Amino acid sequence: MLINSVVSHIKNQQHYLTERKKYLIFTFLFSPLICALLFI
């Protein structure tokens, strides 16, 4: 039971990290565009 909860916790952490990575890449790609729009 304990091992199962640990495994699910690790899976959740990995999912969270991949989501965060996607969000960071998205932000990194779109921040120059947003800045360009603000300064036009």
N, C-alpha and C. Protein backbone atom coordinates (compact mmCIF):
# COMPACT_ATOMS: atom_id res chain seq x y z
N MET A 1 0.84 -1.20 0.00
CA MET A 1 0.00 0.00 0.00
C MET A 1 0.88 1.26 0.00
N LEU A 2 1.89 1.26 0.87
CA LEU A 2 2.79 2.41 0.96
C LEU A 2 3.57 2.60 -0.34
N ILE A 3 4.08 1.49 -0.87
CA ILE A 3 4.85 1.56 -2.13
C ILE A 3 3.97 2.10 -3.25
N ASN A 4 2.72 1.66 -3.27
CA ASN A 4 1.79 2.11 -4.29
C ASN A 4 1.59 3.62 -4.24
N SER A 5 1.42 4.16 -3.04
CA SER A 5 1.23 5.61 -2.90
C SER A 5 2.49 6.38 -3.30
N VAL A 6 3.65 5.81 -2.98
CA VAL A 6 4.91 6.44 -3.37
C VAL A 6 5.04 6.48 -4.89
N VAL A 7 4.71 5.37 -5.54
CA VAL A 7 4.78 5.30 -7.01
C VAL A 7 3.83 6.31 -7.64
N SER A 8 2.61 6.39 -7.13
CA SER A 8 1.65 7.34 -7.69
C SER A 8 2.12 8.78 -7.46
N HIS A 9 2.73 9.03 -6.31
CA HIS A 9 3.27 10.36 -6.01
C HIS A 9 4.36 10.73 -7.02
N ILE A 10 5.26 9.77 -7.30
CA ILE A 10 6.34 10.01 -8.26
C ILE A 10 5.77 10.28 -9.65
N LYS A 11 4.75 9.51 -10.03
CA LYS A 11 4.12 9.73 -11.33
C LYS A 11 3.49 11.12 -11.41
N ASN A 12 2.84 11.53 -10.32
CA ASN A 12 2.26 12.87 -10.28
C ASN A 12 3.32 13.95 -10.42
N GLN A 13 4.45 13.75 -9.74
CA GLN A 13 5.55 14.70 -9.83
C GLN A 13 6.08 14.80 -11.26
N GLN A 14 6.24 13.66 -11.92
CA GLN A 14 6.73 13.65 -13.30
C GLN A 14 5.75 14.38 -14.21
N HIS A 15 4.46 14.12 -14.02
CA HIS A 15 3.43 14.79 -14.82
C HIS A 15 3.49 16.30 -14.60
N TYR A 16 3.61 16.70 -13.34
CA TYR A 16 3.70 18.11 -12.99
C TYR A 16 4.92 18.76 -13.64
N LEU A 17 6.05 18.06 -13.61
CA LEU A 17 7.27 18.60 -14.21
C LEU A 17 7.14 18.76 -15.72
N THR A 18 6.54 17.78 -16.39
CA THR A 18 6.37 17.90 -17.84
C THR A 18 5.42 19.04 -18.18
N GLU A 19 4.35 19.19 -17.40
CA GLU A 19 3.43 20.31 -17.61
C GLU A 19 4.14 21.64 -17.41
N ARG A 20 4.94 21.70 -16.37
CA ARG A 20 5.68 22.92 -16.07
C ARG A 20 6.67 23.24 -17.18
N LYS A 21 7.33 22.19 -17.71
CA LYS A 21 8.28 22.38 -18.79
C LYS A 21 7.59 22.94 -20.03
N LYS A 22 6.42 22.36 -20.36
CA LYS A 22 5.63 22.86 -21.49
C LYS A 22 5.29 24.34 -21.28
N TYR A 23 4.86 24.67 -20.05
CA TYR A 23 4.48 26.04 -19.73
C TYR A 23 5.67 26.98 -19.87
N LEU A 24 6.84 26.55 -19.39
CA LEU A 24 8.05 27.37 -19.50
C LEU A 24 8.45 27.59 -20.96
N ILE A 25 8.39 26.52 -21.76
CA ILE A 25 8.73 26.65 -23.18
C ILE A 25 7.74 27.59 -23.86
N PHE A 26 6.46 27.42 -23.56
CA PHE A 26 5.40 28.27 -24.11
C PHE A 26 5.66 29.74 -23.76
N THR A 27 5.95 29.99 -22.49
CA THR A 27 6.23 31.35 -22.03
C THR A 27 7.47 31.92 -22.71
N PHE A 28 8.51 31.08 -22.82
CA PHE A 28 9.77 31.51 -23.44
C PHE A 28 9.56 31.86 -24.91
N LEU A 29 8.72 31.09 -25.60
CA LEU A 29 8.46 31.35 -27.02
C LEU A 29 7.58 32.58 -27.22
N PHE A 30 6.60 32.76 -26.34
CA PHE A 30 5.62 33.81 -26.58
C PHE A 30 5.92 35.14 -25.90
N SER A 31 6.83 35.16 -24.93
CA SER A 31 7.15 36.43 -24.28
C SER A 31 7.74 37.46 -25.25
N PRO A 32 8.62 37.09 -26.20
CA PRO A 32 9.09 38.09 -27.17
C PRO A 32 7.95 38.65 -28.03
N LEU A 33 7.01 37.79 -28.41
CA LEU A 33 5.86 38.25 -29.19
C LEU A 33 5.01 39.23 -28.41
N ILE A 34 4.78 38.91 -27.14
CA ILE A 34 3.98 39.78 -26.29
C ILE A 34 4.68 41.13 -26.09
N CYS A 35 5.99 41.08 -25.87
CA CYS A 35 6.77 42.32 -25.74
C CYS A 35 6.70 43.14 -27.02
N ALA A 36 6.82 42.48 -28.15
CA ALA A 36 6.74 43.17 -29.44
C ALA A 36 5.38 43.85 -29.60
N LEU A 37 4.32 43.15 -29.23
CA LEU A 37 2.98 43.73 -29.32
C LEU A 37 2.82 44.92 -28.39
N LEU A 38 3.41 44.84 -27.21
CA LEU A 38 3.32 45.94 -26.26
C LEU A 38 4.07 47.18 -26.75
N PHE A 39 5.20 46.96 -27.43
CA PHE A 39 6.03 48.10 -27.82
C PHE A 39 5.69 48.68 -29.19
N ILE A 40 4.77 48.02 -29.91
CA ILE A 40 4.36 48.59 -31.21
C ILE A 40 3.43 49.78 -30.96
